[in-house]
Amino acid sequence: MMYRINELGLTLEIEDSLLCNLIDIGIKHYPNEFGGFLIGNYSETQTHLKITDTILPNKFKGTPYLFERDTIGIDDRLKQFYAEKPKKYYLGEWHTHPNNLPIPSSTDLNAINSIANHPEVSTKNPVMLIIGYKKTKVELGFYIQFKNKLYRYE
C-alpha cells in the first residue's frame, strides 16, 4: 500500500501483509486499545518512508479508550533491526481505536509531540498509525509530525 502527502512531497509504503497483521493483532485485543512500535527506513532523500516491521510491547495496559505501553526490552529488539542491512529504525507508533474513527485524540497528539521532542528518539518526524474499528469496517489513518504540525497521509 502506498500513501502520500502531496503538499510535502512525502510517501509512505507498507506491505499489505504487515497491515493485515496489525489489524489482526488489534482485533485480538478488541474491545480494548492495543498498539506497538513501527520499524522501517527512509529513502536517502528522506521523502519516502517504508514501514517494514512492528515490535509489540512486553508490558502494556489497554482499555476501550486508552493504550499505554512500556519500553522494557524494546532496546534489544531495536538494536537487532539497526544491525540489519539496510538498517531499520524506530519510525513511530501504531494503536487501535475500537468502535471509533482513526482520528488522533488529544492524548495521541500529546504522545506524538512528546516522541518528536524526546532527546533519545532519533526521528524528529515520527509516524503514527491509528486503526479504527467500527462493527465490520476497518479504517486506517497514517499521520506524520512534520515541523510541529500533524499531517495525514492519503
Foldseek 3Di string as FASTA:
>chain_A
DKWDDVVVLAIEEEDPVQVVVQVVVQVVVPPWKAKFWWKFDADPVRRYTYTYDTDGAPDWDIDLADIDGDCVPVVVVQVVQCPDVVRMHTAAMEMENEQDDQDDDPVNLVVLCCLLPPPVHPDNWHKYWYWYDRPPDIDIWIWIQDPNDIDTID
